[in-house]
Amino acid sequence: MGWTSSDRSRIIERGRDALHRPLALGGDAMRRGRVAIAVTERGIRDYWSSRSLVQQFAIVAAAVLIAGMTVLGFWVSERIKQGIMHNSAASGALLMDSYIAPMVQELAKGDEISPARRDALDRVLKNSAIGHRVSAIKIWRTDGVIAYSNWHEKIGQKFKPTPNFIRALGGEISAEFEGQYHEQDSHERALNSPLLEIYAPVRERNSERIIAISEFYEGGANVKSVLARAEAMTWIVVAIVTALMMGALSGIVARGSRTIEDQRNRLKTQVVELRSLLKENHELSQRVQRASNRTAMINERLLRRVGADLHDGPAQLLSLALLRLDFLSPVLDASDASRGSSSVSSIGERREPAARDELEKIRGSLQEAMKELREISSGLALPELTRASLTEVVQMAVRAHERKTETRVSADIELLPGPCPDELKTCVYRFVQEGLSNAFRHAGGEGQHVTALADDSRVSIAVSDRGPGFLIDKPGSVTTSTLGLSGMRDRIESLGGTMEVGEANAGGGRIAAHFDLKTLRVME
C-alpha cells in the first residue's frame, strides 16, 4: 500500500511538532532559570547593600578566614598525622630489621624461604616481644610474590604491586593508617581493628641491595588515639587563632566604621544645615525680588500721582493765568480805542506797545510751560494696562510714541502669551517707551522698529533704530539715556529677566529684554 502526499505531510508535521515541543520546553526552562538567577542576584545585592560596613567586613572576613584556616588546619593535621605514622613506621622497621631481616637472608640467593626458617619466623611472631606488637606480617619478593606470611595459605601467591610496595622497592619506608583496601589484605581487614600498615625494604647483609619487602601491621589503637588528640588540638588551636584574628580585625574595622559613621552623621547634619541655609537664602532672594517688584509698583504709582498732581495743580493754575491774560487783552484794546491819539502823551505812547509785547511774552512762556507740563503728565501716567494683553500693551506703547512724536514706527509683533502679571505689562510698556524715546532723541526717529517674539514660555522684546548707536565714550552722546537704561535694566532684572544693549544688524542701536514666564510664576 503506497503513501499519499497527505500522509507524508501529516507524518512530517507530527515529527516537526515532536521536535519543537522539547525545544520549547527547554527554552521555557532556560528562561525560568535566568529569571530565578536574576531574582537571586538582585536579592543578594539588596541584602548586601542593606548591611553596614562592619557587617559586610564580618561576612567577608569570616568567609576568608574560615576558608584559609580550614585549609591550614587540614594541612597541619595531615603533617602531624604523617609525622606520627613515619615515626611509628621507623621504629617498627628498626624492630623488623633486628628480628626478621636475619631470618630471610636466604632470599638473597634464592626465591624461597626454607621450612625451618618459616617455623622460626612463626615462633618469633608468637613468643618474642615483636609478636605483641605486630598483628600480621608478609615478606614479599621483589617480583611481587609472597615468600612468607603468618597466613600460610598466601605463601607463593602473586599480587599487583601497591604504591607503598613500589616506594619500598625504592628504599623508602612508608606507612598507611587504615588505608585503602587491597586484595592481599583480606585477612588483616577481617581483624576489625585499627591497623598501621608499614612497608620497609629488607637489605642483604654487608650490602645495600634490597632482597625483599617486609609488610607488617601494628595495632593502631594507640596511634589512633594519638592522632585523634593531635587533630583535636590542631583544630582547637586553629579555631582560637581564627577567633583572635577575627576579633582583632573586627575591632579595628568597628572602630573605623564608628569613625566613618560619626563623620557621615556630621556630614548629614551639615547637609541639613546647608539645605536650611539654602532654603532661607532662597526665601530671602524671593523676598528681595518681591520687594523689588513692590518698589517698582510703588514708583509707578508715585509717577502716576505726580502726573495727576502736575495736571490738577500747576497745570490748572497756568490755565487760569492764561485765561486772565486773555481777559486783559480786550480791556487794553478797549482802553486804547476810548482814548484819542491826541490825549496820549509821548510817554504813554512809548509804554503801551512795550506792555503789549511783555504780555505776549508772558502768554507765550505760559503756553510753553503748559505744553511741557501736559507732556510730562502724559509721560508719567500709564494707560489702563490691567485688562490689556501683552500684545496690546506693546501696540499701545508704539501708538503713544507715534502720537507724541508724529513719527512712524515699524513693528513686528507676534501673538504673545495672554495671561501674564501686571508687573510684566508695566515693565514692557516702559521698556518700549524708553527705547523709542532714545531712538527719537538720538536717531531722529530714523528706522524705529519694535520686535516682540514668544517661544514657549520665553518672551523677547527689542527696539532698534538706524542712528549713531550707543557710543558710550562719545561725550554727551548717551548720558541721559544711559541713566534711563540703567533704571530699566534694574526693573527688568527685578522680574528675573535679562537686558541686552548693542548694535542693530543694519547699524544703529538696539536694546532687547528677555523674560521667562515660568520664573515669573514661581516669583508670584
Protein backbone atom coordinates (compact mmCIF):
# COMPACT_ATOMS: atom_id res chain seq x y z
CA MET A 1 0.00 0.00 0.00
CA GLY A 2 1.56 3.32 -1.08
CA TRP A 3 1.84 6.51 0.89
CA THR A 4 -0.09 9.51 -0.33
CA SER A 5 1.30 13.04 -0.21
CA SER A 6 -1.18 13.99 2.55
CA ASP A 7 0.04 11.07 4.69
CA ARG A 8 3.65 12.15 4.26
CA SER A 9 2.73 15.75 5.15
CA ARG A 10 0.99 14.61 8.33
CA ILE A 11 3.96 12.48 9.32
CA ILE A 12 6.38 15.37 8.68
CA GLU A 13 4.15 17.74 10.64
CA ARG A 14 3.98 15.34 13.58
CA GLY A 15 7.74 14.92 13.52
CA ARG A 16 8.23 18.68 13.47
CA ASP A 17 5.83 19.07 16.42
CA ALA A 18 7.60 16.31 18.31
CA LEU A 19 10.92 18.07 17.71
CA HIS A 20 9.71 21.56 18.57
CA ARG A 21 7.94 20.55 21.80
CA PRO A 22 11.08 19.58 23.76
CA LEU A 23 12.89 22.60 22.33
CA ALA A 24 10.10 24.88 23.53
CA LEU A 25 10.11 23.21 26.95
CA GLY A 26 13.87 23.58 27.11
CA GLY A 27 13.61 27.27 26.18
CA ASP A 28 10.98 27.84 28.87
CA ALA A 29 13.16 26.09 31.42
CA MET A 30 16.15 28.24 30.44
CA ARG A 31 14.08 31.43 30.71
CA ARG A 32 12.78 30.40 34.14
CA GLY A 33 16.34 29.59 35.18
CA ARG A 34 17.58 33.01 34.04
CA VAL A 35 14.72 34.72 35.87
CA ALA A 36 15.49 32.75 39.03
CA ILE A 37 19.19 33.64 38.76
CA ALA A 38 18.35 37.31 38.21
CA VAL A 39 15.99 37.33 41.21
CA THR A 40 18.63 35.64 43.36
CA GLU A 41 21.33 38.09 42.28
CA ARG A 42 19.02 41.03 42.95
CA GLY A 43 18.17 39.64 46.38
CA ILE A 44 21.86 39.18 47.20
CA ARG A 45 22.66 42.72 46.05
CA ASP A 46 19.78 44.16 48.09
CA TYR A 47 20.84 42.18 51.17
CA TRP A 48 24.47 43.20 50.74
CA SER A 49 23.69 46.90 50.22
CA SER A 50 21.47 46.91 53.33
CA ARG A 51 24.33 45.68 55.55
CA SER A 52 26.58 48.09 57.43
CA LEU A 53 30.31 48.32 56.80
CA VAL A 54 31.09 46.21 59.90
CA GLN A 55 28.60 43.53 58.89
CA GLN A 56 29.97 43.41 55.34
CA PHE A 57 33.51 43.09 56.66
CA ALA A 58 32.46 40.44 59.18
CA ILE A 59 30.85 38.34 56.43
CA VAL A 60 33.78 38.62 54.02
CA ALA A 61 36.44 38.23 56.72
CA ALA A 62 34.67 35.25 58.25
CA ALA A 63 34.44 33.54 54.86
CA VAL A 64 38.09 34.23 54.01
CA LEU A 65 39.45 33.34 57.46
CA ILE A 66 37.36 30.20 57.78
CA ALA A 67 38.40 29.04 54.32
CA GLY A 68 42.07 29.86 54.95
CA MET A 69 42.21 28.40 58.43
CA THR A 70 40.34 25.28 57.29
CA VAL A 71 42.97 24.68 54.64
CA LEU A 72 45.69 25.39 57.18
CA GLY A 73 44.06 23.08 59.72
CA PHE A 74 43.83 20.19 57.27
CA TRP A 75 47.43 20.76 56.18
CA VAL A 76 48.77 20.87 59.75
CA SER A 77 46.66 17.87 60.76
CA GLU A 78 47.93 15.91 57.80
CA ARG A 79 51.53 16.88 58.59
CA ILE A 80 51.13 15.74 62.18
CA LYS A 81 49.49 12.51 61.05
CA GLN A 82 52.29 11.83 58.58
CA GLY A 83 54.89 12.60 61.24
CA ILE A 84 53.35 10.26 63.78
CA MET A 85 52.97 7.47 61.24
CA HIS A 86 56.51 7.99 59.98
CA ASN A 87 57.93 7.75 63.49
CA SER A 88 55.90 4.61 64.21
CA ALA A 89 56.93 3.14 60.87
CA ALA A 90 60.60 3.93 61.51
CA SER A 91 60.57 2.28 64.94
CA GLY A 92 58.67 -0.71 63.53
CA ALA A 93 61.09 -1.05 60.64
CA LEU A 94 64.02 -0.94 63.04
CA LEU A 95 62.43 -3.73 65.07
CA MET A 96 61.75 -5.79 61.94
CA ASP A 97 65.30 -5.26 60.77
CA SER A 98 66.58 -6.59 64.08
CA TYR A 99 64.33 -9.67 64.34
CA ILE A 100 63.13 -10.59 60.83
CA ALA A 101 65.84 -9.49 58.38
CA PRO A 102 68.47 -12.04 59.60
CA MET A 103 65.96 -14.85 59.13
CA VAL A 104 65.15 -14.08 55.46
CA GLN A 105 68.68 -13.71 54.08
CA GLU A 106 68.04 -16.85 52.02
CA LEU A 107 66.18 -14.62 49.56
CA ALA A 108 69.49 -13.05 48.62
CA LYS A 109 70.47 -16.29 46.87
CA GLY A 110 67.12 -18.00 46.20
CA ASP A 111 63.41 -17.40 45.69
CA GLU A 112 62.11 -19.27 48.73
CA ILE A 113 62.45 -19.38 52.49
CA SER A 114 63.17 -22.83 53.88
CA PRO A 115 60.57 -24.55 56.09
CA ALA A 116 62.92 -24.35 59.06
CA ARG A 117 63.13 -20.57 58.69
CA ARG A 118 59.37 -20.35 58.32
CA ASP A 119 58.90 -22.24 61.58
CA ALA A 120 61.43 -19.95 63.22
CA LEU A 121 59.53 -16.94 61.97
CA ASP A 122 56.28 -18.40 63.33
CA ARG A 123 57.87 -18.85 66.74
CA VAL A 124 59.28 -15.35 66.76
CA LEU A 125 55.85 -13.89 65.98
CA LYS A 126 54.25 -15.95 68.75
CA ASN A 127 56.75 -15.77 71.59
CA SER A 128 59.02 -12.72 71.20
CA ALA A 129 58.31 -9.09 72.01
CA ILE A 130 57.63 -8.42 68.36
CA GLY A 131 54.64 -10.73 68.44
CA HIS A 132 52.86 -8.48 70.94
CA ARG A 133 53.30 -5.50 68.62
CA VAL A 134 52.78 -6.99 65.16
CA SER A 135 49.37 -8.41 64.22
CA ALA A 136 50.33 -9.78 60.80
CA ILE A 137 53.36 -9.95 58.56
CA LYS A 138 54.25 -10.64 54.92
CA ILE A 139 57.65 -11.00 53.33
CA TRP A 140 57.50 -10.08 49.62
CA ARG A 141 59.98 -10.99 46.98
CA THR A 142 60.97 -8.14 44.72
CA ASP A 143 58.84 -9.62 41.91
CA GLY A 144 55.60 -9.30 43.95
CA VAL A 145 55.32 -12.89 45.18
CA ILE A 146 54.67 -13.52 48.88
CA ALA A 147 57.65 -15.51 50.29
CA TYR A 148 56.28 -15.69 53.84
CA SER A 149 53.08 -14.78 55.70
CA ASN A 150 51.70 -15.75 59.08
CA TRP A 151 48.68 -16.74 56.95
CA HIS A 152 50.45 -19.69 55.31
CA GLU A 153 47.90 -20.15 52.53
CA LYS A 154 49.04 -16.86 50.96
CA ILE A 155 52.65 -18.01 50.55
CA GLY A 156 53.55 -18.26 46.88
CA GLN A 157 50.70 -16.03 45.69
CA LYS A 158 51.46 -13.04 43.48
CA PHE A 159 49.56 -9.73 43.63
CA LYS A 160 49.68 -6.43 41.85
CA PRO A 161 52.23 -4.11 43.50
CA THR A 162 50.73 -1.27 45.57
CA PRO A 163 52.14 2.27 45.68
CA ASN A 164 53.64 1.59 49.13
CA PHE A 165 55.30 -1.57 47.79
CA ILE A 166 56.81 0.40 44.91
CA ARG A 167 58.13 3.09 47.27
CA ALA A 168 59.68 0.37 49.47
CA LEU A 169 61.45 -1.04 46.41
CA GLY A 170 62.95 2.42 46.03
CA GLY A 171 64.40 2.19 49.53
CA GLU A 172 61.76 4.24 51.39
CA ILE A 173 59.82 3.32 54.50
CA SER A 174 56.12 4.08 54.02
CA ALA A 175 53.13 3.72 56.30
CA GLU A 176 49.36 3.95 55.90
CA PHE A 177 46.83 4.06 58.74
CA GLU A 178 43.56 2.30 57.91
CA GLY A 179 44.43 2.83 54.29
CA GLN A 180 42.92 1.68 51.02
CA TYR A 181 41.75 -1.95 50.88
CA HIS A 182 43.76 -4.32 48.67
CA GLU A 183 43.05 -7.88 47.69
CA GLN A 184 46.06 -9.30 49.56
CA ASP A 185 44.90 -7.64 52.81
CA SER A 186 41.68 -9.65 53.27
CA HIS A 187 42.82 -11.47 56.40
CA GLU A 188 44.15 -8.31 58.03
CA ARG A 189 40.94 -6.36 57.34
CA ALA A 190 38.97 -9.22 58.90
CA LEU A 191 40.55 -8.42 62.26
CA ASN A 192 38.20 -5.38 62.52
CA SER A 193 40.68 -3.28 64.46
CA PRO A 194 42.64 -0.14 63.55
CA LEU A 195 45.91 -1.17 61.91
CA LEU A 196 49.05 0.70 60.88
CA GLU A 197 50.30 -0.83 57.62
CA ILE A 198 54.11 -0.48 57.25
CA TYR A 199 56.30 -1.30 54.25
CA ALA A 200 60.08 -1.50 54.76
CA PRO A 201 62.89 -2.75 52.49
CA VAL A 202 64.95 -5.78 53.61
CA ARG A 203 68.58 -5.48 52.61
CA GLU A 204 71.28 -8.09 52.17
CA ARG A 205 73.81 -8.24 54.99
CA ASN A 206 77.01 -6.39 54.29
CA SER A 207 75.31 -4.88 51.22
CA GLU A 208 72.73 -2.26 50.33
CA ARG A 209 70.92 -4.49 47.87
CA ILE A 210 67.21 -4.90 48.57
CA ILE A 211 66.34 -8.59 48.61
CA ALA A 212 62.76 -8.40 49.93
CA ILE A 213 59.99 -6.16 51.19
CA SER A 214 58.54 -6.62 54.65
CA GLU A 215 54.88 -5.69 55.16
CA PHE A 216 53.63 -5.83 58.71
CA TYR A 217 50.61 -4.50 60.57
CA GLU A 218 50.81 -2.97 64.02
CA GLY A 219 47.85 -2.45 66.28
CA GLY A 220 46.71 1.09 65.70
CA ALA A 221 44.64 1.78 68.80
CA ASN A 222 47.38 3.87 70.40
CA VAL A 223 48.21 5.52 67.10
CA LYS A 224 44.55 6.31 66.54
CA SER A 225 44.18 7.92 69.95
CA VAL A 226 47.36 9.95 69.45
CA LEU A 227 46.16 11.06 66.02
CA ALA A 228 42.74 11.98 67.42
CA ARG A 229 44.28 14.08 70.21
CA ALA A 230 46.71 15.75 67.80
CA GLU A 231 43.93 16.51 65.32
CA ALA A 232 41.67 17.87 68.06
CA MET A 233 44.43 20.10 69.42
CA THR A 234 45.22 21.28 65.89
CA TRP A 235 41.64 22.32 65.24
CA ILE A 236 41.32 23.92 68.69
CA VAL A 237 44.44 25.99 68.09
CA VAL A 238 43.25 26.91 64.57
CA ALA A 239 39.82 27.90 65.92
CA ILE A 240 41.36 30.01 68.69
CA VAL A 241 43.76 31.74 66.29
CA THR A 242 40.90 32.35 63.81
CA ALA A 243 38.70 33.79 66.55
CA LEU A 244 41.50 36.05 67.78
CA MET A 245 42.27 37.26 64.27
CA MET A 246 38.57 37.82 63.57
CA GLY A 247 38.14 39.69 66.83
CA ALA A 248 41.19 41.87 66.26
CA LEU A 249 40.25 42.72 62.68
CA SER A 250 36.61 43.27 63.63
CA GLY A 251 37.66 45.61 66.42
CA ILE A 252 39.80 47.66 64.05
CA VAL A 253 37.06 47.78 61.42
CA ALA A 254 34.40 48.54 64.03
CA ARG A 255 36.46 51.47 65.26
CA GLY A 256 36.96 52.71 61.71
CA SER A 257 33.27 52.16 60.99
CA ARG A 258 32.29 54.20 64.04
CA THR A 259 34.59 56.98 62.86
CA ILE A 260 33.09 56.84 59.37
CA GLU A 261 29.57 56.75 60.83
CA ASP A 262 30.32 59.77 63.03
CA GLN A 263 31.69 61.64 60.02
CA ARG A 264 28.66 60.59 57.98
CA ASN A 265 26.31 61.85 60.71
CA ARG A 266 28.22 65.12 60.89
CA LEU A 267 28.03 65.43 57.11
CA LYS A 268 24.29 64.71 57.25
CA THR A 269 23.91 67.41 59.89
CA GLN A 270 25.93 69.83 57.78
CA VAL A 271 23.88 68.92 54.71
CA VAL A 272 20.67 69.56 56.65
CA GLU A 273 22.04 72.89 57.87
CA LEU A 274 23.18 73.76 54.34
CA ARG A 275 19.75 72.89 52.97
CA SER A 276 18.18 75.06 55.64
CA LEU A 277 20.54 77.92 54.77
CA LEU A 278 19.85 77.45 51.06
CA LYS A 279 16.13 77.47 51.78
CA GLU A 280 16.48 80.63 53.84
CA ASN A 281 18.65 82.15 51.11
CA HIS A 282 16.04 81.26 48.52
CA GLU A 283 13.31 82.77 50.68
CA LEU A 284 15.38 85.91 51.18
CA SER A 285 16.03 86.08 47.44
CA GLN A 286 12.31 85.80 46.78
CA ARG A 287 11.68 88.48 49.38
CA VAL A 288 14.17 90.75 47.63
CA GLN A 289 12.51 90.00 44.28
CA ARG A 290 9.07 90.70 45.73
CA ALA A 291 10.35 93.86 47.43
CA SER A 292 11.87 94.99 44.14
CA ASN A 293 8.56 94.34 42.38
CA ARG A 294 6.68 96.22 45.08
CA THR A 295 9.18 99.07 44.80
CA ALA A 296 8.64 99.22 41.06
CA MET A 297 4.88 99.30 41.53
CA ILE A 298 5.18 101.95 44.25
CA ASN A 299 7.37 104.03 41.95
CA GLU A 300 4.83 103.59 39.16
CA ARG A 301 2.00 104.72 41.42
CA LEU A 302 4.18 107.62 42.57
CA LEU A 303 4.77 108.62 38.96
CA ARG A 304 1.03 108.46 38.27
CA ARG A 305 0.34 110.58 41.34
CA VAL A 306 2.98 113.14 40.34
CA GLY A 307 1.50 113.26 36.85
CA ALA A 308 -2.00 113.74 38.25
CA ASP A 309 -0.78 116.40 40.68
CA LEU A 310 1.00 118.26 37.89
CA HIS A 311 -2.11 118.06 35.76
CA ASP A 312 -4.52 119.09 38.51
CA GLY A 313 -2.29 121.63 40.30
CA PRO A 314 0.28 123.71 38.35
CA ALA A 315 -1.36 122.99 35.03
CA GLN A 316 -4.71 124.33 36.28
CA LEU A 317 -3.08 127.42 37.74
CA LEU A 318 -1.25 128.06 34.50
CA SER A 319 -4.52 127.62 32.64
CA LEU A 320 -6.15 130.17 34.94
CA ALA A 321 -3.28 132.61 34.37
CA LEU A 322 -3.65 132.23 30.62
CA LEU A 323 -7.39 132.91 30.93
CA ARG A 324 -6.70 136.03 32.98
CA LEU A 325 -4.22 137.20 30.38
CA ASP A 326 -6.77 136.58 27.66
CA PHE A 327 -9.24 138.63 29.70
CA LEU A 328 -6.80 141.55 29.93
CA SER A 329 -6.18 141.76 26.20
CA PRO A 330 -9.70 143.07 25.25
CA VAL A 331 -9.59 145.54 28.14
CA LEU A 332 -6.37 147.03 26.88
CA ASP A 333 -7.73 147.21 23.35
CA ALA A 334 -10.92 148.99 24.53
CA SER A 335 -8.86 151.44 26.59
CA ASP A 336 -6.79 152.25 23.56
CA ALA A 337 -9.90 152.92 21.45
CA SER A 338 -11.54 155.20 24.05
CA ARG A 339 -8.51 157.33 24.32
CA GLY A 340 -7.81 159.57 21.34
CA SER A 341 -4.45 159.78 19.86
CA SER A 342 -4.32 163.48 20.75
CA SER A 343 -4.80 162.76 24.51
CA VAL A 344 -1.95 160.25 24.66
CA SER A 345 1.28 161.64 25.86
CA SER A 346 4.56 160.79 24.38
CA ILE A 347 5.46 158.70 27.48
CA GLY A 348 2.19 156.65 27.26
CA GLU A 349 2.72 156.03 23.62
CA ARG A 350 6.11 154.53 24.40
CA ARG A 351 4.83 152.31 27.30
CA GLU A 352 1.73 150.74 25.77
CA PRO A 353 3.50 148.85 22.92
CA ALA A 354 6.09 147.63 25.42
CA ALA A 355 3.34 146.37 27.75
CA ARG A 356 1.67 144.51 24.93
CA ASP A 357 4.95 142.90 23.92
CA GLU A 358 5.62 141.88 27.51
CA LEU A 359 2.10 140.46 27.79
CA GLU A 360 2.63 138.40 24.65
CA LYS A 361 5.94 137.09 26.00
CA ILE A 362 4.26 136.09 29.26
CA ARG A 363 1.48 134.37 27.35
CA GLY A 364 3.99 132.50 25.16
CA SER A 365 6.03 131.37 28.17
CA LEU A 366 2.92 130.20 30.00
CA GLN A 367 1.70 128.31 26.94
CA GLU A 368 5.10 126.60 26.54
CA ALA A 369 5.14 125.69 30.25
CA MET A 370 1.60 124.39 29.95
CA LYS A 371 2.60 122.23 26.96
CA GLU A 372 5.60 120.78 28.77
CA LEU A 373 3.56 120.09 31.92
CA ARG A 374 0.98 118.25 29.88
CA GLU A 375 3.69 116.23 28.11
CA ILE A 376 5.31 115.38 31.45
CA SER A 377 1.94 114.39 32.91
CA SER A 378 1.07 112.23 29.92
CA GLY A 379 4.53 110.58 30.07
CA LEU A 380 4.27 109.79 33.78
CA ALA A 381 0.74 108.42 33.64
CA LEU A 382 0.22 105.00 32.08
CA PRO A 383 -2.87 103.94 30.18
CA GLU A 384 -5.04 101.17 31.61
CA LEU A 385 -2.91 98.00 31.23
CA THR A 386 -4.71 95.57 33.54
CA ARG A 387 -7.28 94.41 31.01
CA ALA A 388 -4.92 94.56 28.02
CA SER A 389 -2.96 91.59 26.71
CA LEU A 390 0.82 91.73 26.35
CA THR A 391 0.46 92.15 22.58
CA GLU A 392 -1.91 95.11 23.10
CA VAL A 393 0.49 96.66 25.63
CA VAL A 394 3.28 96.74 23.03
CA GLN A 395 0.92 98.18 20.43
CA MET A 396 -0.30 100.86 22.89
CA ALA A 397 3.29 101.96 23.61
CA VAL A 398 4.03 102.18 19.86
CA ARG A 399 0.87 104.23 19.09
CA ALA A 400 1.51 106.58 22.04
CA HIS A 401 5.02 107.28 20.77
CA GLU A 402 3.77 107.89 17.23
CA ARG A 403 1.15 110.39 18.50
CA LYS A 404 3.67 112.17 20.71
CA THR A 405 6.49 112.46 18.18
CA GLU A 406 4.50 112.41 14.93
CA THR A 407 6.93 109.77 13.58
CA ARG A 408 6.49 106.32 12.10
CA VAL A 409 7.41 103.12 13.96
CA SER A 410 7.56 99.78 12.14
CA ALA A 411 6.54 96.85 14.32
CA ASP A 412 6.85 93.07 14.04
CA ILE A 413 4.69 91.72 16.90
CA GLU A 414 3.83 88.04 17.25
CA LEU A 415 0.91 86.71 19.26
CA LEU A 416 2.34 86.98 22.79
CA PRO A 417 1.03 84.98 25.80
CA GLY A 418 -2.29 86.27 27.08
CA PRO A 419 -2.42 85.97 30.89
CA CYS A 420 0.68 87.47 32.50
CA PRO A 421 1.43 89.56 35.62
CA ASP A 422 0.67 93.28 35.62
CA GLU A 423 4.29 93.95 36.63
CA LEU A 424 5.43 92.42 33.32
CA LYS A 425 2.94 94.57 31.35
CA THR A 426 4.14 97.74 33.05
CA CYS A 427 7.79 96.80 32.54
CA VAL A 428 7.25 96.02 28.84
CA TYR A 429 5.37 99.27 28.29
CA ARG A 430 8.12 101.32 29.98
CA PHE A 431 10.82 99.40 28.09
CA VAL A 432 9.24 100.12 24.68
CA GLN A 433 8.56 103.73 25.72
CA GLU A 434 12.18 104.29 26.85
CA GLY A 435 13.62 102.54 23.79
CA LEU A 436 11.55 104.57 21.32
CA SER A 437 12.31 107.81 23.22
CA ASN A 438 16.03 107.06 22.88
CA ALA A 439 15.55 106.28 19.16
CA PHE A 440 13.73 109.57 18.64
CA ARG A 441 16.22 111.57 20.72
CA HIS A 442 19.46 110.18 19.26
CA ALA A 443 18.42 108.87 15.83
CA GLY A 444 15.77 111.46 14.99
CA GLY A 445 13.19 108.68 14.71
CA GLU A 446 15.01 107.11 11.76
CA GLY A 447 14.50 103.38 11.36
CA GLN A 448 12.44 102.98 14.55
CA HIS A 449 11.49 99.29 14.80
CA VAL A 450 9.91 97.18 17.55
CA THR A 451 10.06 93.38 17.59
CA ALA A 452 8.09 91.17 20.00
CA LEU A 453 8.60 87.37 19.87
CA ALA A 454 7.40 84.47 22.02
CA ASP A 455 8.99 81.00 22.25
CA ASP A 456 7.28 78.56 24.63
CA SER A 457 7.40 80.44 27.94
CA ARG A 458 10.06 82.96 26.85
CA VAL A 459 9.15 86.48 25.72
CA SER A 460 11.63 88.77 23.91
CA ILE A 461 11.08 92.50 23.16
CA ALA A 462 13.57 94.51 21.08
CA VAL A 463 13.71 98.18 19.98
CA SER A 464 16.17 99.28 17.28
CA ASP A 465 16.97 102.31 15.10
CA ARG A 466 19.43 103.43 12.41
CA GLY A 467 21.10 106.17 14.42
CA PRO A 468 24.69 106.51 15.67
CA GLY A 469 24.27 103.68 18.18
CA PHE A 470 25.44 103.57 21.78
CA LEU A 471 28.80 105.36 21.73
CA ILE A 472 29.49 105.46 25.43
CA ASP A 473 32.91 107.10 25.06
CA LYS A 474 31.47 109.96 22.96
CA PRO A 475 30.94 112.99 25.21
CA GLY A 476 27.28 113.74 25.80
CA SER A 477 26.08 111.06 23.43
CA VAL A 478 24.02 108.82 25.69
CA THR A 479 24.40 110.35 29.13
CA THR A 480 20.71 110.93 29.54
CA SER A 481 19.63 107.62 28.01
CA THR A 482 22.22 105.64 30.00
CA LEU A 483 20.53 106.68 33.22
CA GLY A 484 17.15 105.64 31.81
CA LEU A 485 18.50 102.31 30.56
CA SER A 486 20.16 101.63 33.91
CA GLY A 487 16.86 102.06 35.70
CA MET A 488 15.14 99.94 33.05
CA ARG A 489 17.76 97.17 33.49
CA ASP A 490 17.08 97.15 37.25
CA ARG A 491 13.34 96.92 36.59
CA ILE A 492 13.79 94.02 34.13
CA GLU A 493 16.19 92.10 36.38
CA SER A 494 13.81 92.52 39.32
CA LEU A 495 11.37 90.38 37.30
CA GLY A 496 14.02 87.71 36.65
CA GLY A 497 14.67 88.91 33.09
CA THR A 498 17.77 89.98 31.21
CA MET A 499 18.56 93.05 29.11
CA GLU A 500 20.94 93.46 26.16
CA VAL A 501 22.34 96.70 24.74
CA GLY A 502 24.23 96.63 21.44
CA GLU A 503 24.22 97.40 17.76
CA ALA A 504 21.47 96.51 15.29
CA ASN A 505 22.19 94.30 12.27
CA ALA A 506 21.70 97.20 9.83
CA GLY A 507 23.63 99.65 12.02
CA GLY A 508 22.38 101.86 14.80
CA GLY A 509 21.39 100.99 18.33
CA ARG A 510 19.38 98.08 19.67
CA ILE A 511 18.11 97.16 23.12
CA ALA A 512 16.40 93.85 23.93
CA ALA A 513 14.67 92.41 27.00
CA HIS A 514 14.04 88.72 27.66
CA PHE A 515 11.54 87.37 30.20
CA ASP A 516 10.83 83.83 31.41
CA LEU A 517 7.17 83.41 32.35
CA LYS A 518 7.95 80.28 34.43
CA THR A 519 10.30 82.33 36.62
CA LEU A 520 7.62 84.98 36.99
CA ARG A 521 5.06 82.36 38.10
CA VAL A 522 7.50 80.98 40.68
CA MET A 523 8.17 84.50 41.96
CA GLU A 524 4.44 85.12 42.25
